[in-house]
Amino acid sequence: MKLSMLSILLGLGLAAPQIYGLARPAQFAATVRKFPRNLPAGIFLMALATLWFLWNVNQESLADFAAFKNYMMIGFAAVGLGACIFVKDFLAVRGLAVVFLLLAKLMVDTGRPHLGETPWVLVIQTWAYVLILAGMWFTVSPWRLRDFLEWATANEKRIKVGSAVRLAFALFVVVLGLTAFRAL
């Protein structure tokens, strides 16, 4: 994927919920507060993460593991399925954490070849490393996302300020995709 397209998709993906947060803060808060224990969202995110991870493993061509690749794929698929069956508590947070890690890998891999071409790539790279830290933190202690979301949606002012800041960043990333990363 080209860096410009990734940047535009990331920006639009981040912008959509922020617009909802600004337009309907009360409904946004209710939806966000339900997320950590939302089982259907958790199953979807864990399935997405498992399939994405399996695709990444399948693309790897490490000769050292070639003989074990099929067994590894079966094992990883079993872990993803097992998480959906046996670890239902905060499954949405855990699934989101794995998606954060995989998305960060995509962001770093896509931006790395262009680091010398424009310093704006560091915006995407830094965001990726923030996602990595968040993914690790929420994997280890998923209740912290619940607590953070409760704090972030405690009142309408926090919702609107947070949504406005995230929307501004999202639009900035879209503009980077349309301008600085256009040829990348």
Foldseek 3Di string as FASTA:
>chain_A
DALLVLLQVQLVVLLVLLVVCQVPVVVSLVVQLCQQLPLVLLLVLLVVLLVLVLVVLVPDDDVVCPVPSVVVNVVSNCVSVCCSVPVNRSSNLLSQLSVLLSSLVVLCVNLVVCVVPDVCSVVSNVSSVVSNVSSVVCNVPVVVSSVVSCVCSVDSVSSNVVSVVSNVVSVVSNVCSVPVRVVD
